[in-house]
Amino acid sequence: MFKNWFKSRKRENDFLVFVLSDDPAVSSLIHDSLTEVGCTVHSATKMAEAFNTLDETDLPDVLIVDFQNPEVDGTAFIQQARLRFGKSDLPPVLFLMDSQSDEATAQILEVNDLLPKPFDTPTLLERISKLAESNRRSDAEG
C-alpha cells in the first residue's frame, strides 16, 4: 500500500536525505528503501565524513541520525551541525533510537522525529515524506 503511494508521488517529492550511521545494515536498508521511491541518499559512517559530505552538497531535506554510533553519538553530531550550519537552517532530524532512554535526550535536543529500531520500511517512508514536505513548505514560506 505505502509503496504504491510513494511511487505515485515520486516525481513530486524527489527528496535529498542524509544518513549518519555506522551500521551497514541500517544504512543499506534506508538507502535502498529511499532510492527505490526516487530519493537521493548520501550517507556517512563518521562525523568528519558527514561534515565533508554536507559541505560539498546541498543541505538535505532530512537528516537521519543514529542515536548511538561508536564513532560519535548522534547527540554530538546534531549539536555540532547546529553550530556549523545554524539551527534554523539545519533540516529536520529523524533520530533512530536504540532504547527508550534515548527519547529523553532526543527531546532535549529538540529533534523533529524519533524512529525506534528496528523499524519497517513503510514507517520510515512515511516519516521521511512528512519531514521533507514540512521542510520544503517552511523553505517556500521563508
C-alpha atoms as a PDB file:
ATOM      1  CA  MET A   1       0.000   0.000   0.000  1.00  0.00           C
ATOM      2  CA  PHE A   2       2.634   2.582   1.059  1.00  0.00           C
ATOM      3  CA  LYS A   3       4.998   1.529  -1.698  1.00  0.00           C
ATOM      4  CA  ASN A   4       2.474   2.403  -4.388  1.00  0.00           C
ATOM      5  CA  TRP A   5       1.557   5.628  -2.618  1.00  0.00           C
ATOM      6  CA  PHE A   6       5.155   6.765  -2.504  1.00  0.00           C
ATOM      7  CA  LYS A   7       5.889   5.657  -6.069  1.00  0.00           C
ATOM      8  CA  SER A   8       2.953   7.679  -7.346  1.00  0.00           C
ATOM      9  CA  ARG A   9       4.403  10.772  -5.615  1.00  0.00           C
ATOM     10  CA  LYS A  10       7.969  10.043  -6.650  1.00  0.00           C
ATOM     11  CA  ARG A  11       8.300  12.826  -9.186  1.00  0.00           C
ATOM     12  CA  GLU A  12       6.740  15.395  -6.885  1.00  0.00           C
ATOM     13  CA  ASN A  13       8.954  14.520  -3.915  1.00  0.00           C
ATOM     14  CA  ASP A  14      12.462  13.769  -5.018  1.00  0.00           C
ATOM     15  CA  PHE A  15      13.865  14.315  -1.541  1.00  0.00           C
ATOM     16  CA  LEU A  16      17.527  14.612  -0.648  1.00  0.00           C
ATOM     17  CA  VAL A  17      18.248  12.619   2.505  1.00  0.00           C
ATOM     18  CA  PHE A  18      21.458  12.326   4.511  1.00  0.00           C
ATOM     19  CA  VAL A  19      22.139   9.325   6.770  1.00  0.00           C
ATOM     20  CA  LEU A  20      24.734   9.137   9.554  1.00  0.00           C
ATOM     21  CA  SER A  21      25.014   5.556  10.773  1.00  0.00           C
ATOM     22  CA  ASP A  22      27.851   3.143  11.376  1.00  0.00           C
ATOM     23  CA  ASP A  23      25.558   0.151  10.938  1.00  0.00           C
ATOM     24  CA  PRO A  24      25.865  -1.112   7.338  1.00  0.00           C
ATOM     25  CA  ALA A  25      22.556  -2.988   7.518  1.00  0.00           C
ATOM     26  CA  VAL A  26      20.667   0.121   8.661  1.00  0.00           C
ATOM     27  CA  SER A  27      22.368   2.338   6.084  1.00  0.00           C
ATOM     28  CA  SER A  28      21.699  -0.149   3.307  1.00  0.00           C
ATOM     29  CA  LEU A  29      18.036  -0.577   4.246  1.00  0.00           C
ATOM     30  CA  ILE A  30      17.491   3.180   4.345  1.00  0.00           C
ATOM     31  CA  HIS A  31      19.400   3.776   1.109  1.00  0.00           C
ATOM     32  CA  ASP A  32      17.608   1.022  -0.813  1.00  0.00           C
ATOM     33  CA  SER A  33      14.156   1.942   0.505  1.00  0.00           C
ATOM     34  CA  LEU A  34      14.501   5.645  -0.251  1.00  0.00           C
ATOM     35  CA  THR A  35      16.214   5.406  -3.638  1.00  0.00           C
ATOM     36  CA  GLU A  36      13.525   2.966  -4.767  1.00  0.00           C
ATOM     37  CA  VAL A  37      10.923   5.707  -4.344  1.00  0.00           C
ATOM     38  CA  GLY A  38      13.021   8.411  -6.009  1.00  0.00           C
ATOM     39  CA  CYS A  39      15.010   9.977  -3.181  1.00  0.00           C
ATOM     40  CA  THR A  40      18.674  10.851  -3.406  1.00  0.00           C
ATOM     41  CA  VAL A  41      20.561   9.495  -0.410  1.00  0.00           C
ATOM     42  CA  HIS A  42      24.004  10.475   0.857  1.00  0.00           C
ATOM     43  CA  SER A  43      25.486   8.704   3.841  1.00  0.00           C
ATOM     44  CA  ALA A  44      28.449   8.637   6.178  1.00  0.00           C
ATOM     45  CA  THR A  45      29.726   6.424   8.957  1.00  0.00           C
ATOM     46  CA  LYS A  46      31.824   9.011  10.809  1.00  0.00           C
ATOM     47  CA  MET A  47      31.246  12.600  11.824  1.00  0.00           C
ATOM     48  CA  ALA A  48      34.178  14.034   9.826  1.00  0.00           C
ATOM     49  CA  GLU A  49      32.961  12.219   6.720  1.00  0.00           C
ATOM     50  CA  ALA A  50      29.441  13.501   7.360  1.00  0.00           C
ATOM     51  CA  PHE A  51      30.548  17.123   7.565  1.00  0.00           C
ATOM     52  CA  ASN A  52      32.736  16.782   4.462  1.00  0.00           C
ATOM     53  CA  THR A  53      29.772  15.436   2.502  1.00  0.00           C
ATOM     54  CA  LEU A  54      27.395  18.081   3.846  1.00  0.00           C
ATOM     55  CA  ASP A  55      29.918  20.808   2.957  1.00  0.00           C
ATOM     56  CA  GLU A  56      30.161  19.527  -0.623  1.00  0.00           C
ATOM     57  CA  THR A  57      26.449  19.073  -1.329  1.00  0.00           C
ATOM     58  CA  ASP A  58      23.228  20.962  -0.796  1.00  0.00           C
ATOM     59  CA  LEU A  59      21.786  20.598   2.657  1.00  0.00           C
ATOM     60  CA  PRO A  60      19.359  17.688   2.584  1.00  0.00           C
ATOM     61  CA  ASP A  61      15.620  17.821   3.113  1.00  0.00           C
ATOM     62  CA  VAL A  62      16.003  15.440   6.069  1.00  0.00           C
ATOM     63  CA  LEU A  63      18.857  14.190   8.242  1.00  0.00           C
ATOM     64  CA  ILE A  64      18.642  10.655   9.620  1.00  0.00           C
ATOM     65  CA  VAL A  65      20.986  10.144  12.551  1.00  0.00           C
ATOM     66  CA  ASP A  66      21.720   7.004  14.519  1.00  0.00           C
ATOM     67  CA  PHE A  67      21.480   7.883  18.190  1.00  0.00           C
ATOM     68  CA  GLN A  68      24.338   5.661  19.315  1.00  0.00           C
ATOM     69  CA  ASN A  69      27.212   5.405  16.905  1.00  0.00           C
ATOM     70  CA  PRO A  70      30.549   4.063  18.234  1.00  0.00           C
ATOM     71  CA  GLU A  71      32.489   6.636  16.217  1.00  0.00           C
ATOM     72  CA  VAL A  72      30.397   9.523  17.571  1.00  0.00           C
ATOM     73  CA  ASP A  73      26.961   9.620  19.087  1.00  0.00           C
ATOM     74  CA  GLY A  74      24.105  11.375  17.344  1.00  0.00           C
ATOM     75  CA  THR A  75      23.875  13.940  20.115  1.00  0.00           C
ATOM     76  CA  ALA A  76      27.341  15.317  19.387  1.00  0.00           C
ATOM     77  CA  PHE A  77      26.693  15.359  15.653  1.00  0.00           C
ATOM     78  CA  ILE A  78      23.429  17.304  15.988  1.00  0.00           C
ATOM     79  CA  GLN A  79      24.987  19.817  18.365  1.00  0.00           C
ATOM     80  CA  GLN A  80      27.950  20.420  16.061  1.00  0.00           C
ATOM     81  CA  ALA A  81      25.789  20.523  12.934  1.00  0.00           C
ATOM     82  CA  ARG A  82      23.594  23.211  14.500  1.00  0.00           C
ATOM     83  CA  LEU A  83      26.654  25.277  15.336  1.00  0.00           C
ATOM     84  CA  ARG A  84      28.126  24.784  11.879  1.00  0.00           C
ATOM     85  CA  PHE A  85      25.023  25.342   9.733  1.00  0.00           C
ATOM     86  CA  GLY A  86      22.753  27.267  12.110  1.00  0.00           C
ATOM     87  CA  LYS A  87      19.851  25.754  13.987  1.00  0.00           C
ATOM     88  CA  SER A  88      17.229  27.381  11.771  1.00  0.00           C
ATOM     89  CA  ASP A  89      18.979  26.273   8.553  1.00  0.00           C
ATOM     90  CA  LEU A  90      19.501  22.679   9.605  1.00  0.00           C
ATOM     91  CA  PRO A  91      16.901  20.387   8.022  1.00  0.00           C
ATOM     92  CA  PRO A  92      14.537  18.279  10.109  1.00  0.00           C
ATOM     93  CA  VAL A  93      16.209  15.478  12.028  1.00  0.00           C
ATOM     94  CA  LEU A  94      14.909  11.928  12.328  1.00  0.00           C
ATOM     95  CA  PHE A  95      16.687  10.142  15.181  1.00  0.00           C
ATOM     96  CA  LEU A  96      16.989   6.369  15.108  1.00  0.00           C
ATOM     97  CA  MET A  97      16.630   5.163  18.695  1.00  0.00           C
ATOM     98  CA  ASP A  98      18.129   2.038  20.206  1.00  0.00           C
ATOM     99  CA  SER A  99      16.309   2.267  23.553  1.00  0.00           C
ATOM    100  CA  GLN A 100      13.555   4.186  25.297  1.00  0.00           C
ATOM    101  CA  SER A 101      16.140   6.091  27.353  1.00  0.00           C
ATOM    102  CA  ASP A 102      17.279   7.769  24.121  1.00  0.00           C
ATOM    103  CA  GLU A 103      13.914   9.539  23.922  1.00  0.00           C
ATOM    104  CA  ALA A 104      14.695  11.960  26.777  1.00  0.00           C
ATOM    105  CA  THR A 105      17.937  13.043  25.120  1.00  0.00           C
ATOM    106  CA  ALA A 106      16.173  13.457  21.803  1.00  0.00           C
ATOM    107  CA  GLN A 107      13.589  15.713  23.454  1.00  0.00           C
ATOM    108  CA  ILE A 108      16.334  17.857  24.981  1.00  0.00           C
ATOM    109  CA  LEU A 109      17.918  18.167  21.529  1.00  0.00           C
ATOM    110  CA  GLU A 110      14.510  19.057  20.062  1.00  0.00           C
ATOM    111  CA  VAL A 111      14.830  16.635  17.160  1.00  0.00           C
ATOM    112  CA  ASN A 112      11.859  16.592  14.824  1.00  0.00           C
ATOM    113  CA  ASP A 113      11.004  12.897  14.979  1.00  0.00           C
ATOM    114  CA  LEU A 114      12.091   9.617  16.523  1.00  0.00           C
ATOM    115  CA  LEU A 115      12.081   6.174  14.994  1.00  0.00           C
ATOM    116  CA  PRO A 116      12.803   3.196  17.248  1.00  0.00           C
ATOM    117  CA  LYS A 117      14.950   0.417  15.828  1.00  0.00           C
ATOM    118  CA  PRO A 118      14.116  -1.984  14.396  1.00  0.00           C
ATOM    119  CA  PHE A 119      11.769  -0.132  12.038  1.00  0.00           C
ATOM    120  CA  ASP A 120       9.821  -1.145   8.970  1.00  0.00           C
ATOM    121  CA  THR A 121      10.154   0.424   5.553  1.00  0.00           C
ATOM    122  CA  PRO A 122       6.605   1.848   5.290  1.00  0.00           C
ATOM    123  CA  THR A 123       7.050   3.683   8.601  1.00  0.00           C
ATOM    124  CA  LEU A 124      10.434   5.039   7.506  1.00  0.00           C
ATOM    125  CA  LEU A 125       9.000   6.267   4.199  1.00  0.00           C
ATOM    126  CA  GLU A 126       6.030   7.903   5.893  1.00  0.00           C
ATOM    127  CA  ARG A 127       8.233   9.755   8.395  1.00  0.00           C
ATOM    128  CA  ILE A 128      10.716  10.931   5.748  1.00  0.00           C
ATOM    129  CA  SER A 129       7.956  12.169   3.470  1.00  0.00           C
ATOM    130  CA  LYS A 130       6.271  14.084   6.279  1.00  0.00           C
ATOM    131  CA  LEU A 131       9.507  15.725   7.445  1.00  0.00           C
ATOM    132  CA  ALA A 132      10.738  16.564   3.938  1.00  0.00           C
ATOM    133  CA  GLU A 133       7.424  18.057   2.851  1.00  0.00           C
ATOM    134  CA  SER A 134       7.297  20.107   6.047  1.00  0.00           C
ATOM    135  CA  ASN A 135      10.827  21.354   5.401  1.00  0.00           C
ATOM    136  CA  ARG A 136      10.031  22.315   1.814  1.00  0.00           C
ATOM    137  CA  ARG A 137       6.903  24.187   2.901  1.00  0.00           C
ATOM    138  CA  SER A 138       8.966  26.081   5.504  1.00  0.00           C
ATOM    139  CA  ASP A 139      11.575  26.978   2.878  1.00  0.00           C
ATOM    140  CA  ALA A 140       8.877  28.205   0.480  1.00  0.00           C
ATOM    141  CA  GLU A 141       7.294  30.373   3.183  1.00  0.00           C
ATOM    142  CA  GLY A 142      10.585  31.736   4.487  1.00  0.00           C
END
